[in-house]
Protein backbone atom coordinates (compact mmCIF):
# COMPACT_ATOMS: atom_id res chain seq x y z
CA MET A 1 -26.28 7.47 -35.30
CA ALA A 2 -26.29 10.70 -37.27
CA ARG A 3 -24.49 13.73 -35.96
CA LYS A 4 -26.69 15.99 -33.84
CA THR A 5 -28.02 19.00 -35.77
CA GLY A 6 -25.75 21.95 -35.21
CA SER A 7 -22.89 19.73 -34.01
CA HIS A 8 -19.43 20.54 -35.27
CA SER A 9 -16.23 18.66 -34.50
CA GLU A 10 -14.30 21.87 -33.80
CA ILE A 11 -16.86 22.68 -31.10
CA THR A 12 -17.68 19.18 -29.84
CA GLY A 13 -14.08 18.02 -29.33
CA PRO A 14 -13.10 20.94 -27.08
CA LYS A 15 -16.44 20.69 -25.26
CA ILE A 16 -15.81 16.99 -24.54
CA ARG A 17 -12.38 17.85 -23.09
CA ALA A 18 -13.78 20.73 -21.04
CA GLU A 19 -16.64 18.67 -19.60
CA ALA A 20 -14.39 15.67 -18.91
CA GLN A 21 -11.93 17.92 -17.07
CA ARG A 22 -14.72 19.49 -15.02
CA LEU A 23 -16.26 16.13 -14.13
CA PHE A 24 -12.92 14.41 -13.38
CA ALA A 25 -11.89 17.31 -11.13
CA ARG A 26 -15.22 17.34 -9.30
CA TYR A 27 -15.91 13.61 -8.88
CA GLY A 28 -12.62 11.87 -9.63
CA PHE A 29 -11.61 9.98 -12.75
CA ALA A 30 -12.78 6.56 -11.51
CA ALA A 31 -16.26 7.82 -10.60
CA VAL A 32 -17.02 9.44 -13.96
CA SER A 33 -18.39 7.39 -16.84
CA MET A 34 -18.21 8.11 -20.54
CA ARG A 35 -22.01 8.27 -20.44
CA GLN A 36 -21.83 11.13 -17.89
CA ILE A 37 -19.37 13.03 -20.06
CA ALA A 38 -21.60 12.54 -23.11
CA GLY A 39 -24.62 13.73 -21.14
CA ALA A 40 -22.80 16.89 -20.04
CA VAL A 41 -21.79 17.58 -23.65
CA GLY A 42 -25.23 16.78 -25.02
CA VAL A 43 -24.25 13.89 -27.31
CA GLN A 44 -24.81 10.15 -27.33
CA ALA A 45 -22.14 8.17 -25.46
CA GLY A 46 -21.04 6.48 -28.67
CA ALA A 47 -20.22 9.85 -30.21
CA LEU A 48 -17.39 10.31 -27.70
CA TYR A 49 -15.47 7.53 -29.40
CA LEU A 50 -15.20 9.67 -32.52
CA TYR A 51 -12.94 11.93 -30.43
CA THR A 52 -11.13 9.57 -28.07
CA PRO A 53 -10.52 5.81 -27.99
CA ASP A 54 -11.31 5.53 -24.26
CA LYS A 55 -11.55 7.36 -20.96
CA GLU A 56 -7.87 6.99 -20.07
CA ALA A 57 -6.85 8.46 -23.43
CA LEU A 58 -9.08 11.41 -22.66
CA LEU A 59 -7.41 11.90 -19.26
CA PHE A 60 -3.96 11.56 -20.82
CA ASP A 61 -4.87 14.17 -23.44
CA LEU A 62 -5.96 16.59 -20.70
CA LEU A 63 -2.79 16.07 -18.64
CA LYS A 64 -0.45 16.26 -21.63
CA THR A 65 -2.14 19.36 -23.02
CA HIS A 66 -1.77 21.08 -19.66
CA MET A 67 1.93 20.26 -19.40
CA ASP A 68 2.62 21.18 -23.04
CA GLU A 69 0.88 24.53 -22.55
CA LEU A 70 2.68 25.17 -19.24
CA ILE A 71 6.13 24.52 -20.72
CA ALA A 72 5.41 26.50 -23.91
CA ALA A 73 4.06 29.46 -21.93
CA TRP A 74 7.09 29.48 -19.62
CA ARG A 75 9.51 29.31 -22.55
CA ALA A 76 7.66 32.22 -24.19
CA GLU A 77 8.30 34.40 -21.13
CA PRO A 78 11.04 37.03 -21.49
CA ALA A 79 14.45 35.50 -20.87
CA GLY A 80 17.62 37.01 -19.50
CA GLY A 81 18.67 38.70 -16.34
CA ASP A 82 20.43 37.30 -13.33
CA ALA A 83 19.19 34.28 -11.40
CA HIS A 84 17.37 36.47 -8.89
CA ALA A 85 15.29 38.12 -11.64
CA ARG A 86 14.71 34.81 -13.41
CA LEU A 87 13.52 33.16 -10.19
CA GLU A 88 11.09 35.99 -9.51
CA ARG A 89 9.73 35.63 -13.05
CA PHE A 90 9.32 31.88 -12.56
CA VAL A 91 7.44 32.31 -9.26
CA ARG A 92 5.05 34.92 -10.63
CA PHE A 93 4.55 32.98 -13.87
CA HIS A 94 3.78 29.68 -12.10
CA ILE A 95 1.16 31.27 -9.86
CA ARG A 96 -0.42 33.30 -12.67
CA PHE A 97 -0.55 30.42 -15.15
CA ASN A 98 -1.88 27.82 -12.74
CA LEU A 99 -4.51 29.96 -11.02
CA GLU A 100 -6.21 30.20 -14.43
CA ARG A 101 -6.23 26.39 -14.67
CA ALA A 102 -7.22 25.07 -11.25
CA GLU A 103 -9.00 21.96 -12.58
CA ALA A 104 -6.09 21.01 -14.86
CA VAL A 105 -3.62 21.43 -11.99
CA PHE A 106 -5.79 19.32 -9.70
CA LEU A 107 -5.97 16.52 -12.26
CA SER A 108 -2.22 16.70 -12.86
CA TYR A 109 -1.58 15.88 -9.23
CA MET A 110 -4.51 13.68 -8.26
CA GLU A 111 -5.18 11.50 -11.29
CA LEU A 112 -1.73 10.38 -12.48
CA ARG A 113 -2.35 7.00 -10.86
CA ASN A 114 -5.01 6.30 -13.49
CA LEU A 115 -2.56 6.37 -16.38
CA SER A 116 -0.93 3.34 -17.95
CA PRO A 117 2.82 3.08 -17.29
CA GLU A 118 3.52 4.35 -20.82
CA ASN A 119 1.28 7.39 -20.47
CA PHE A 120 2.54 8.05 -16.95
CA ALA A 121 6.12 8.09 -18.26
CA VAL A 122 5.21 10.75 -20.84
CA ILE A 123 3.63 13.04 -18.23
CA GLU A 124 6.46 12.41 -15.79
CA GLY A 125 8.94 13.38 -18.50
CA LEU A 126 7.11 16.64 -19.16
CA ARG A 127 6.99 17.41 -15.44
CA LYS A 128 10.72 16.78 -15.15
CA ALA A 129 11.36 19.09 -18.10
CA TYR A 130 9.45 21.87 -16.33
CA GLU A 131 11.16 21.18 -13.00
CA THR A 132 14.53 21.34 -14.77
CA GLU A 133 13.72 24.89 -15.89
CA LEU A 134 13.51 25.93 -12.22
CA GLU A 135 16.47 23.84 -11.12
CA GLU A 136 18.66 25.51 -13.76
CA ILE A 137 17.72 28.90 -12.32
CA LEU A 138 18.62 27.71 -8.81
CA LYS A 139 21.95 26.30 -10.00
CA ALA A 140 22.74 29.58 -11.76
CA GLY A 141 21.93 31.44 -8.54
CA GLN A 142 24.37 29.25 -6.65
CA ASP A 143 27.05 29.82 -9.28
CA GLU A 144 26.46 33.57 -9.06
CA GLY A 145 26.69 33.43 -5.27
CA ALA A 146 23.16 34.83 -5.04
CA PHE A 147 21.47 31.74 -3.54
CA LEU A 148 22.41 29.55 -0.64
CA ILE A 149 20.79 26.14 -1.25
CA PRO A 150 22.03 22.82 0.16
CA ASP A 151 20.32 20.75 -2.56
CA THR A 152 18.90 22.29 -5.76
CA LYS A 153 16.75 19.26 -6.62
CA LEU A 154 15.06 19.32 -3.21
CA ALA A 155 14.65 23.09 -3.37
CA THR A 156 13.07 22.73 -6.82
CA MET A 157 10.49 20.23 -5.55
CA ALA A 158 9.75 22.31 -2.43
CA ILE A 159 9.26 25.53 -4.39
CA ILE A 160 7.00 23.95 -7.01
CA ALA A 161 4.92 22.26 -4.30
CA MET A 162 4.59 25.55 -2.43
CA LEU A 163 3.61 27.50 -5.55
CA THR A 164 1.17 24.87 -6.80
CA GLY A 165 -0.43 24.79 -3.35
CA VAL A 166 -1.92 28.22 -4.02
CA ASN A 167 -4.56 26.48 -6.14
CA THR A 168 -5.88 24.57 -3.14
CA TRP A 169 -6.88 27.64 -1.13
CA PHE A 170 -7.00 30.74 -3.34
CA ARG A 171 -10.47 32.10 -4.07
CA GLU A 172 -11.16 35.08 -6.30
CA GLY A 173 -12.60 37.94 -4.26
CA GLY A 174 -11.01 36.66 -1.06
CA ARG A 175 -8.83 38.56 1.40
CA LEU A 176 -5.79 38.57 -0.90
CA SER A 177 -5.67 39.53 -4.57
CA ARG A 178 -3.67 37.51 -7.08
CA ALA A 179 -1.02 40.24 -7.13
CA MET A 180 -0.73 40.21 -3.34
CA VAL A 181 -0.41 36.42 -3.32
CA ALA A 182 2.33 36.57 -5.94
CA ASP A 183 4.18 39.24 -3.94
CA ILE A 184 4.00 37.24 -0.71
CA TYR A 185 5.01 33.98 -2.35
CA TRP A 186 7.91 35.65 -4.13
CA ASP A 187 9.12 36.98 -0.78
CA MET A 188 8.86 33.51 0.78
CA VAL A 189 10.67 31.82 -2.11
CA ARG A 190 13.37 34.50 -2.12
CA LYS A 191 14.02 33.94 1.58
CA SER A 192 13.95 30.16 1.18
CA VAL A 193 16.90 30.28 -1.22
CA GLY A 194 18.88 32.67 0.95
CA ALA A 195 18.55 35.62 -1.41
């Protein structure tokens, strides 16, 4: 079938990813068909296969893109300072970055089970790379005598789970602003590491 008038690959590709993410987050990966994604984009279902080989590849692309962007954005943050300052930066960064990407965060936690073992391993590796960034801060804090943590790996998992949990309840215009949430969470994390 001919390309739809006015259709451009640089517009259609991102629109397919955006609509797939929205639909997967709303209905779940298993419940969404390629036909539904095509309908939301405004193309024939067959046109999707010009952009992705299958639905799982589309999900993998969404999850990998999110993790790549998360890691790159964190590594672009200003470096330096003691562990206390670095931990505060991490906490505020994680909340700020992920609140802008609620659907991507939701998919990253809820739809991993739909990946092949090979694709799962890639995403798991990226998650571990990001977790290691936090664990290195916690280890440095212990070495500096600034943090009191019985197990840095466990503390890493607990802190990331707590910070990511903001996405499940935060609503713009609610009782707390983003800045207030970041302040409160930083205080809780700081106390949790004995700082």
